[in-house]
């Protein structure tokens, strides 16, 4: 009898019975965690550029206002409009909009709401001032302007 056994040339197969389960778990994970764009932007925007920028810490506390000329000028006119979520609003409607957005947050986070304004560089300062005044009345004092990073090429 030989002391050593011969090695067989038969290769061992990798078990693939759990592979469909893993694929479906990954698919489900990405479907649940992916956030799609929430708002269709209906205003034209040329965002100004800045040198010193600060990144947002908690995006769940940020609510966006878009200000610019409507893309459909024949329907909405050529003057700058305020877009909140998916609708155009007037400056007098900002109080109600802020109250609704605060109601969507937890009680402890309502005072931490931040309003981010994406304003077209061609927009008149009058509409921006009206929005700022209404935000003060609504006690939404954390205001942020979205910009693009200024590069050395610009």
C-alpha atoms as a PDB file:
ATOM      1  CA  UNK A   1       0.000   0.000   0.000  1.00  0.00           C
ATOM      2  CA  UNK A   2       1.262   3.466  -0.854  1.00  0.00           C
ATOM      3  CA  UNK A   3       1.932   5.974   1.778  1.00  0.00           C
ATOM      4  CA  UNK A   4       0.704   8.997  -0.230  1.00  0.00           C
ATOM      5  CA  UNK A   5      -2.614   9.344  -1.995  1.00  0.00           C
ATOM      6  CA  UNK A   6      -2.795  10.522  -5.539  1.00  0.00           C
ATOM      7  CA  UNK A   7      -4.334  13.922  -6.103  1.00  0.00           C
ATOM      8  CA  UNK A   8      -7.370  13.828  -8.285  1.00  0.00           C
ATOM      9  CA  UNK A   9      -7.576  16.245 -11.204  1.00  0.00           C
ATOM     10  CA  UNK A  10     -11.278  16.911 -10.670  1.00  0.00           C
ATOM     11  CA  UNK A  11     -11.827  20.608  -9.875  1.00  0.00           C
ATOM     12  CA  UNK A  12     -14.219  21.573  -7.147  1.00  0.00           C
ATOM     13  CA  UNK A  13     -17.145  23.709  -8.250  1.00  0.00           C
ATOM     14  CA  UNK A  14     -18.109  26.934  -6.516  1.00  0.00           C
ATOM     15  CA  UNK A  15     -21.605  26.661  -5.077  1.00  0.00           C
ATOM     16  CA  UNK A  16     -23.886  29.151  -6.860  1.00  0.00           C
ATOM     17  CA  UNK A  17     -27.185  28.299  -5.227  1.00  0.00           C
ATOM     18  CA  UNK A  18     -27.150  31.480  -3.076  1.00  0.00           C
ATOM     19  CA  UNK A  19     -26.157  33.778  -5.954  1.00  0.00           C
ATOM     20  CA  UNK A  20     -29.728  34.794  -6.971  1.00  0.00           C
ATOM     21  CA  UNK A  21     -30.532  35.649  -3.345  1.00  0.00           C
ATOM     22  CA  UNK A  22     -27.473  37.879  -3.102  1.00  0.00           C
ATOM     23  CA  UNK A  23     -28.287  39.623  -6.376  1.00  0.00           C
ATOM     24  CA  UNK A  24     -31.858  40.341  -5.291  1.00  0.00           C
ATOM     25  CA  UNK A  25     -30.683  41.641  -1.910  1.00  0.00           C
ATOM     26  CA  UNK A  26     -28.278  44.048  -3.638  1.00  0.00           C
ATOM     27  CA  UNK A  27     -30.954  45.130  -6.089  1.00  0.00           C
ATOM     28  CA  UNK A  28     -33.428  45.744  -3.265  1.00  0.00           C
ATOM     29  CA  UNK A  29     -30.803  47.677  -1.265  1.00  0.00           C
ATOM     30  CA  UNK A  30     -30.044  50.040  -4.155  1.00  0.00           C
ATOM     31  CA  UNK A  31     -33.729  50.528  -4.937  1.00  0.00           C
ATOM     32  CA  UNK A  32     -34.450  51.522  -1.340  1.00  0.00           C
ATOM     33  CA  UNK A  33     -31.455  53.811  -0.811  1.00  0.00           C
ATOM     34  CA  UNK A  34     -31.487  55.644  -4.132  1.00  0.00           C
ATOM     35  CA  UNK A  35     -33.028  59.110  -4.042  1.00  0.00           C
ATOM     36  CA  UNK A  36     -34.396  60.399  -7.292  1.00  0.00           C
ATOM     37  CA  UNK A  37     -34.645  64.072  -8.139  1.00  0.00           C
ATOM     38  CA  UNK A  38     -37.593  65.432  -6.206  1.00  0.00           C
ATOM     39  CA  UNK A  39     -38.248  68.674  -8.083  1.00  0.00           C
ATOM     40  CA  UNK A  40     -38.457  69.562 -11.758  1.00  0.00           C
ATOM     41  CA  UNK A  41     -36.736  72.902 -12.162  1.00  0.00           C
ATOM     42  CA  UNK A  42     -38.970  75.150 -14.246  1.00  0.00           C
ATOM     43  CA  UNK A  43     -36.756  78.268 -14.242  1.00  0.00           C
ATOM     44  CA  UNK A  44     -33.611  79.037 -16.187  1.00  0.00           C
ATOM     45  CA  UNK A  45     -30.538  79.358 -14.031  1.00  0.00           C
ATOM     46  CA  UNK A  46     -27.036  80.578 -14.538  1.00  0.00           C
ATOM     47  CA  UNK A  47     -25.601  80.016 -11.086  1.00  0.00           C
ATOM     48  CA  UNK A  48     -22.916  82.545 -10.023  1.00  0.00           C
ATOM     49  CA  UNK A  49     -19.475  81.328  -8.978  1.00  0.00           C
ATOM     50  CA  UNK A  50     -17.709  81.895  -5.646  1.00  0.00           C
ATOM     51  CA  UNK A  51     -14.274  81.266  -4.148  1.00  0.00           C
ATOM     52  CA  UNK A  52     -15.104  80.270  -0.577  1.00  0.00           C
ATOM     53  CA  UNK A  53     -17.752  77.588  -0.255  1.00  0.00           C
ATOM     54  CA  UNK A  54     -19.064  75.524   2.624  1.00  0.00           C
ATOM     55  CA  UNK A  55     -20.617  72.088   2.211  1.00  0.00           C
ATOM     56  CA  UNK A  56     -24.043  71.306   3.677  1.00  0.00           C
ATOM     57  CA  UNK A  57     -23.903  69.093   6.757  1.00  0.00           C
ATOM     58  CA  UNK A  58     -27.488  67.808   6.965  1.00  0.00           C
ATOM     59  CA  UNK A  59     -29.289  67.910   3.643  1.00  0.00           C
ATOM     60  CA  UNK A  60     -32.551  66.751   5.206  1.00  0.00           C
ATOM     61  CA  UNK A  61     -32.906  70.182   6.858  1.00  0.00           C
ATOM     62  CA  UNK A  62     -32.398  72.104   3.594  1.00  0.00           C
ATOM     63  CA  UNK A  63     -35.375  73.298   1.552  1.00  0.00           C
ATOM     64  CA  UNK A  64     -34.824  74.846  -1.864  1.00  0.00           C
ATOM     65  CA  UNK A  65     -36.219  77.956  -3.535  1.00  0.00           C
ATOM     66  CA  UNK A  66     -35.395  78.525  -7.210  1.00  0.00           C
ATOM     67  CA  UNK A  67     -35.525  82.040  -8.623  1.00  0.00           C
ATOM     68  CA  UNK A  68     -35.152  82.823 -12.296  1.00  0.00           C
ATOM     69  CA  UNK A  69     -36.885  83.438 -15.607  1.00  0.00           C
ATOM     70  CA  UNK A  70     -39.383  80.655 -16.439  1.00  0.00           C
ATOM     71  CA  UNK A  71     -38.362  78.220 -19.167  1.00  0.00           C
ATOM     72  CA  UNK A  72     -41.838  78.537 -20.723  1.00  0.00           C
ATOM     73  CA  UNK A  73     -41.882  82.309 -21.202  1.00  0.00           C
ATOM     74  CA  UNK A  74     -44.956  82.268 -23.465  1.00  0.00           C
ATOM     75  CA  UNK A  75     -46.980  80.638 -20.654  1.00  0.00           C
ATOM     76  CA  UNK A  76     -45.523  82.306 -17.546  1.00  0.00           C
ATOM     77  CA  UNK A  77     -44.002  85.541 -18.879  1.00  0.00           C
ATOM     78  CA  UNK A  78     -40.435  86.809 -18.956  1.00  0.00           C
ATOM     79  CA  UNK A  79     -40.126  88.134 -15.402  1.00  0.00           C
ATOM     80  CA  UNK A  80     -38.253  86.190 -12.718  1.00  0.00           C
ATOM     81  CA  UNK A  81     -40.432  83.769 -10.759  1.00  0.00           C
ATOM     82  CA  UNK A  82     -40.051  81.901  -7.469  1.00  0.00           C
ATOM     83  CA  UNK A  83     -40.318  78.125  -7.642  1.00  0.00           C
ATOM     84  CA  UNK A  84     -40.887  76.126  -4.475  1.00  0.00           C
ATOM     85  CA  UNK A  85     -41.069  72.362  -4.913  1.00  0.00           C
ATOM     86  CA  UNK A  86     -42.855  71.942  -8.279  1.00  0.00           C
ATOM     87  CA  UNK A  87     -44.970  75.114  -8.351  1.00  0.00           C
ATOM     88  CA  UNK A  88     -44.487  78.832  -8.834  1.00  0.00           C
ATOM     89  CA  UNK A  89     -45.343  80.932  -5.790  1.00  0.00           C
ATOM     90  CA  UNK A  90     -45.562  84.622  -5.027  1.00  0.00           C
ATOM     91  CA  UNK A  91     -43.502  86.243  -2.254  1.00  0.00           C
ATOM     92  CA  UNK A  92     -46.631  86.487  -0.067  1.00  0.00           C
ATOM     93  CA  UNK A  93     -46.983  82.664  -0.234  1.00  0.00           C
ATOM     94  CA  UNK A  94     -43.557  82.034   1.298  1.00  0.00           C
ATOM     95  CA  UNK A  95     -44.902  82.197   4.875  1.00  0.00           C
ATOM     96  CA  UNK A  96     -47.288  79.323   4.161  1.00  0.00           C
ATOM     97  CA  UNK A  97     -44.623  77.354   2.256  1.00  0.00           C
ATOM     98  CA  UNK A  98     -42.126  77.633   5.138  1.00  0.00           C
ATOM     99  CA  UNK A  99     -44.789  76.556   7.644  1.00  0.00           C
ATOM    100  CA  UNK A 100     -45.583  73.468   5.538  1.00  0.00           C
ATOM    101  CA  UNK A 101     -41.916  72.582   5.166  1.00  0.00           C
ATOM    102  CA  UNK A 102     -41.356  72.956   8.915  1.00  0.00           C
ATOM    103  CA  UNK A 103     -44.338  70.679   9.580  1.00  0.00           C
ATOM    104  CA  UNK A 104     -42.625  67.933   7.582  1.00  0.00           C
ATOM    105  CA  UNK A 105     -39.665  67.987  10.008  1.00  0.00           C
ATOM    106  CA  UNK A 106     -39.436  66.599  13.524  1.00  0.00           C
ATOM    107  CA  UNK A 107     -40.355  68.977  16.362  1.00  0.00           C
ATOM    108  CA  UNK A 108     -36.730  69.411  17.515  1.00  0.00           C
ATOM    109  CA  UNK A 109     -35.459  70.174  14.008  1.00  0.00           C
ATOM    110  CA  UNK A 110     -37.997  72.813  12.980  1.00  0.00           C
ATOM    111  CA  UNK A 111     -35.834  75.742  14.107  1.00  0.00           C
ATOM    112  CA  UNK A 112     -32.820  74.292  12.273  1.00  0.00           C
ATOM    113  CA  UNK A 113     -34.408  74.513   8.819  1.00  0.00           C
ATOM    114  CA  UNK A 114     -32.144  76.063   6.183  1.00  0.00           C
ATOM    115  CA  UNK A 115     -33.505  77.716   3.064  1.00  0.00           C
ATOM    116  CA  UNK A 116     -31.204  77.319   0.074  1.00  0.00           C
ATOM    117  CA  UNK A 117     -31.803  79.762  -2.738  1.00  0.00           C
ATOM    118  CA  UNK A 118     -30.675  78.907  -6.246  1.00  0.00           C
ATOM    119  CA  UNK A 119     -30.863  82.272  -7.951  1.00  0.00           C
ATOM    120  CA  UNK A 120     -30.179  83.059 -11.580  1.00  0.00           C
ATOM    121  CA  UNK A 121     -27.347  85.572 -11.931  1.00  0.00           C
ATOM    122  CA  UNK A 122     -29.617  87.711 -14.156  1.00  0.00           C
ATOM    123  CA  UNK A 123     -32.456  87.926 -11.593  1.00  0.00           C
ATOM    124  CA  UNK A 124     -33.360  91.354 -10.227  1.00  0.00           C
ATOM    125  CA  UNK A 125     -32.491  92.121  -6.622  1.00  0.00           C
ATOM    126  CA  UNK A 126     -36.072  93.249  -5.882  1.00  0.00           C
ATOM    127  CA  UNK A 127     -37.535  89.743  -5.949  1.00  0.00           C
ATOM    128  CA  UNK A 128     -34.635  88.425  -3.841  1.00  0.00           C
ATOM    129  CA  UNK A 129     -35.212  91.148  -1.243  1.00  0.00           C
ATOM    130  CA  UNK A 130     -38.934  90.317  -1.159  1.00  0.00           C
ATOM    131  CA  UNK A 131     -38.100  86.652  -0.523  1.00  0.00           C
ATOM    132  CA  UNK A 132     -35.636  87.571   2.223  1.00  0.00           C
ATOM    133  CA  UNK A 133     -38.231  89.767   3.960  1.00  0.00           C
ATOM    134  CA  UNK A 134     -40.839  87.012   3.848  1.00  0.00           C
ATOM    135  CA  UNK A 135     -38.337  84.457   5.197  1.00  0.00           C
ATOM    136  CA  UNK A 136     -37.636  86.782   8.142  1.00  0.00           C
ATOM    137  CA  UNK A 137     -41.367  86.988   8.882  1.00  0.00           C
ATOM    138  CA  UNK A 138     -41.581  83.181   8.714  1.00  0.00           C
ATOM    139  CA  UNK A 139     -38.671  82.903  11.190  1.00  0.00           C
ATOM    140  CA  UNK A 140     -36.544  80.993   8.669  1.00  0.00           C
ATOM    141  CA  UNK A 141     -33.326  82.819   9.437  1.00  0.00           C
ATOM    142  CA  UNK A 142     -30.803  80.316   8.096  1.00  0.00           C
ATOM    143  CA  UNK A 143     -30.381  81.315   4.483  1.00  0.00           C
ATOM    144  CA  UNK A 144     -27.908  79.972   1.983  1.00  0.00           C
ATOM    145  CA  UNK A 145     -27.176  80.856  -1.633  1.00  0.00           C
ATOM    146  CA  UNK A 146     -26.093  78.018  -3.909  1.00  0.00           C
ATOM    147  CA  UNK A 147     -23.107  78.775  -6.119  1.00  0.00           C
ATOM    148  CA  UNK A 148     -20.580  76.955  -8.219  1.00  0.00           C
ATOM    149  CA  UNK A 149     -16.905  76.758  -7.294  1.00  0.00           C
ATOM    150  CA  UNK A 150     -14.772  79.371  -8.981  1.00  0.00           C
ATOM    151  CA  UNK A 151     -11.835  77.709 -10.719  1.00  0.00           C
ATOM    152  CA  UNK A 152      -8.600  79.323 -11.875  1.00  0.00           C
ATOM    153  CA  UNK A 153      -9.794  79.018 -15.486  1.00  0.00           C
ATOM    154  CA  UNK A 154     -12.838  81.268 -14.852  1.00  0.00           C
END
